[in-house]
N, C-alpha and C. Protein backbone atom coordinates (compact mmCIF):
# COMPACT_ATOMS: atom_id res chain seq x y z
N UNK A 1 50.53 -34.99 2.88
CA UNK A 1 51.50 -34.10 2.48
C UNK A 1 51.80 -32.97 3.46
N UNK A 2 53.00 -32.78 3.63
CA UNK A 2 53.50 -31.78 4.60
C UNK A 2 53.87 -30.47 3.74
N UNK A 3 53.41 -29.32 4.23
CA UNK A 3 53.74 -28.09 3.50
C UNK A 3 54.07 -27.00 4.55
N UNK A 4 54.96 -26.14 4.17
CA UNK A 4 55.50 -25.08 4.93
C UNK A 4 54.89 -23.67 4.40
N UNK A 5 53.73 -23.80 3.73
CA UNK A 5 53.12 -22.60 3.13
C UNK A 5 52.63 -21.52 4.27
N UNK A 6 52.18 -22.07 5.49
CA UNK A 6 52.07 -21.14 6.51
C UNK A 6 53.13 -20.25 7.00
N UNK A 7 54.33 -20.80 6.88
CA UNK A 7 55.52 -20.10 7.21
C UNK A 7 55.70 -18.87 6.25
N UNK A 8 55.46 -19.14 5.08
CA UNK A 8 55.69 -18.01 4.05
C UNK A 8 54.63 -16.94 4.18
N UNK A 9 53.41 -17.50 4.53
CA UNK A 9 52.32 -16.49 4.79
C UNK A 9 52.65 -15.67 6.02
N UNK A 10 53.09 -16.28 7.01
CA UNK A 10 53.48 -15.60 8.24
C UNK A 10 54.62 -14.53 8.01
N UNK A 11 55.64 -14.91 7.16
CA UNK A 11 56.68 -13.95 6.86
C UNK A 11 55.96 -12.66 6.12
N UNK A 12 55.11 -13.01 5.25
CA UNK A 12 54.45 -11.87 4.52
C UNK A 12 53.74 -10.97 5.52
N UNK A 13 52.95 -11.61 6.55
CA UNK A 13 52.25 -10.78 7.49
C UNK A 13 53.14 -10.15 8.42
N UNK A 14 54.37 -10.54 8.70
CA UNK A 14 55.35 -9.91 9.52
C UNK A 14 56.17 -9.00 8.74
N UNK A 15 56.04 -8.86 7.46
CA UNK A 15 56.92 -8.17 6.58
C UNK A 15 58.39 -8.46 6.79
N UNK A 16 58.69 -9.73 6.91
CA UNK A 16 60.15 -10.25 7.04
C UNK A 16 60.55 -10.91 5.85
N UNK A 17 61.67 -10.63 5.41
CA UNK A 17 62.31 -11.26 4.26
C UNK A 17 62.89 -12.75 4.61
N UNK A 18 62.94 -13.60 3.81
CA UNK A 18 63.45 -14.93 4.14
C UNK A 18 64.86 -14.86 4.50
N UNK A 19 65.72 -14.05 3.89
CA UNK A 19 67.05 -13.84 4.22
C UNK A 19 67.27 -13.40 5.69
N UNK A 20 66.38 -12.44 6.07
CA UNK A 20 66.47 -11.95 7.43
C UNK A 20 66.16 -13.11 8.46
N UNK A 21 65.10 -13.84 8.05
CA UNK A 21 64.79 -15.05 9.00
C UNK A 21 65.97 -15.90 9.14
N UNK A 22 66.57 -16.33 8.08
CA UNK A 22 67.74 -17.16 8.01
C UNK A 22 68.73 -16.62 8.92
N UNK A 23 69.02 -15.37 8.77
CA UNK A 23 70.14 -14.72 9.61
C UNK A 23 69.80 -14.70 11.04
N UNK A 24 68.56 -14.49 11.39
CA UNK A 24 68.19 -14.44 12.78
C UNK A 24 68.14 -15.79 13.43
N UNK A 25 67.77 -16.76 12.68
CA UNK A 25 67.65 -18.10 13.09
C UNK A 25 68.93 -18.90 13.15
N UNK A 26 69.98 -18.39 12.37
CA UNK A 26 71.23 -18.99 12.30
C UNK A 26 71.11 -20.26 11.39
N UNK A 27 70.28 -20.10 10.30
CA UNK A 27 70.26 -21.29 9.37
C UNK A 27 70.57 -20.66 8.00
N UNK A 28 70.70 -21.65 7.07
CA UNK A 28 71.11 -21.36 5.64
C UNK A 28 69.86 -20.84 4.96
N UNK A 29 70.15 -19.90 4.00
CA UNK A 29 69.11 -19.45 3.18
C UNK A 29 68.63 -20.62 2.23
N UNK A 30 69.52 -21.57 2.04
CA UNK A 30 69.16 -22.73 1.26
C UNK A 30 68.09 -23.64 1.93
N UNK A 31 68.10 -23.63 3.23
CA UNK A 31 67.14 -24.38 3.89
C UNK A 31 65.74 -23.78 3.80
N UNK A 32 65.75 -22.37 3.91
CA UNK A 32 64.38 -21.71 3.72
C UNK A 32 63.89 -22.04 2.27
N UNK A 33 64.79 -22.03 1.32
CA UNK A 33 64.33 -22.23 -0.08
C UNK A 33 63.88 -23.75 -0.21
N UNK A 34 64.47 -24.53 0.48
CA UNK A 34 64.04 -26.01 0.30
C UNK A 34 62.69 -26.11 0.84
N UNK A 35 62.26 -25.34 1.89
CA UNK A 35 60.99 -25.36 2.51
C UNK A 35 59.86 -24.98 1.58
N UNK A 36 60.17 -24.44 0.51
CA UNK A 36 59.13 -24.01 -0.57
C UNK A 36 58.57 -25.34 -1.33
N UNK A 37 59.25 -26.36 -1.06
CA UNK A 37 58.91 -27.54 -1.78
C UNK A 37 58.13 -28.42 -0.75
N UNK A 38 56.91 -28.96 -1.22
CA UNK A 38 56.09 -29.78 -0.40
C UNK A 38 56.86 -30.98 -0.03
N UNK A 39 56.65 -31.61 1.13
CA UNK A 39 57.35 -32.67 1.81
C UNK A 39 58.73 -32.54 1.90
N UNK A 40 59.31 -31.42 2.05
CA UNK A 40 60.68 -31.18 2.39
C UNK A 40 60.97 -31.71 3.78
N UNK A 41 62.05 -32.28 3.93
CA UNK A 41 62.44 -32.86 5.15
C UNK A 41 63.31 -31.81 5.91
N UNK A 42 62.85 -31.31 7.05
CA UNK A 42 63.55 -30.26 7.77
C UNK A 42 63.63 -30.76 9.18
N UNK A 43 64.70 -30.66 9.80
CA UNK A 43 64.98 -31.20 11.21
C UNK A 43 64.06 -30.34 12.14
N UNK A 44 63.78 -30.97 13.26
CA UNK A 44 63.00 -30.35 14.38
C UNK A 44 63.86 -29.24 14.95
N UNK A 45 65.14 -29.33 14.90
CA UNK A 45 65.99 -28.33 15.49
C UNK A 45 65.92 -27.01 14.58
N UNK A 46 65.85 -27.18 13.38
CA UNK A 46 65.64 -25.95 12.42
C UNK A 46 64.37 -25.54 12.68
N UNK A 47 63.29 -26.24 12.72
CA UNK A 47 61.99 -25.67 12.88
C UNK A 47 61.89 -24.98 14.17
N UNK A 48 62.52 -25.52 15.28
CA UNK A 48 62.46 -24.89 16.57
C UNK A 48 63.11 -23.51 16.63
N UNK A 49 64.21 -23.48 15.84
CA UNK A 49 64.91 -22.14 15.75
C UNK A 49 64.15 -20.98 15.02
N UNK A 50 63.31 -21.53 14.05
CA UNK A 50 62.43 -20.55 13.30
C UNK A 50 61.42 -20.17 14.17
N UNK A 51 60.76 -21.05 14.86
CA UNK A 51 59.70 -20.81 15.79
C UNK A 51 60.12 -19.80 16.93
N UNK A 52 61.33 -20.03 17.46
CA UNK A 52 61.93 -19.08 18.41
C UNK A 52 61.99 -17.68 17.91
N UNK A 53 62.45 -17.49 16.70
CA UNK A 53 62.71 -16.21 16.11
C UNK A 53 61.34 -15.46 15.87
N UNK A 54 60.36 -16.32 15.37
CA UNK A 54 58.99 -15.83 15.00
C UNK A 54 58.09 -15.78 16.15
N UNK A 55 58.45 -16.41 17.34
CA UNK A 55 57.66 -16.40 18.48
C UNK A 55 56.31 -17.18 18.18
N UNK A 56 56.50 -18.36 17.62
CA UNK A 56 55.26 -19.04 17.24
C UNK A 56 55.36 -20.53 17.60
N UNK A 57 54.48 -21.39 17.21
CA UNK A 57 54.60 -22.86 17.38
C UNK A 57 54.62 -23.58 16.05
N UNK A 58 55.04 -24.82 16.13
CA UNK A 58 55.20 -25.60 14.97
C UNK A 58 54.03 -25.46 14.01
N UNK A 59 52.89 -25.54 14.56
CA UNK A 59 51.61 -25.58 13.67
C UNK A 59 51.39 -24.10 13.07
N UNK A 60 52.09 -23.09 13.35
CA UNK A 60 51.93 -21.87 12.79
C UNK A 60 52.78 -21.79 11.48
N UNK A 61 53.79 -22.64 11.39
CA UNK A 61 54.59 -22.63 10.26
C UNK A 61 54.55 -23.75 9.21
N UNK A 62 53.89 -24.86 9.58
CA UNK A 62 53.59 -25.96 8.78
C UNK A 62 52.35 -26.66 8.96
N UNK A 63 51.84 -27.35 8.05
CA UNK A 63 50.70 -28.15 8.14
C UNK A 63 50.72 -29.48 7.39
N UNK A 64 49.86 -30.44 7.80
CA UNK A 64 49.76 -31.73 7.10
C UNK A 64 48.47 -31.62 6.37
N UNK A 65 48.61 -31.77 4.97
CA UNK A 65 47.30 -31.89 4.32
C UNK A 65 46.90 -33.28 3.90
N UNK A 66 45.81 -33.68 4.30
CA UNK A 66 45.46 -35.12 4.04
C UNK A 66 44.64 -35.18 2.73
């Protein structure tokens, strides 16, 4: 199962609102909302945009739970 819970924890740690992340990354707020659901399919391009804004790696914003 793929989860983006680490992203939302990171946003809390950085005191950044989802809307601000969406604006800075140039993505839709609906995409961020979609990521709240486990196994959401998000393109690597969007994930890269998020990582660039947050200055992190893919494994900092998502994880695979076995």
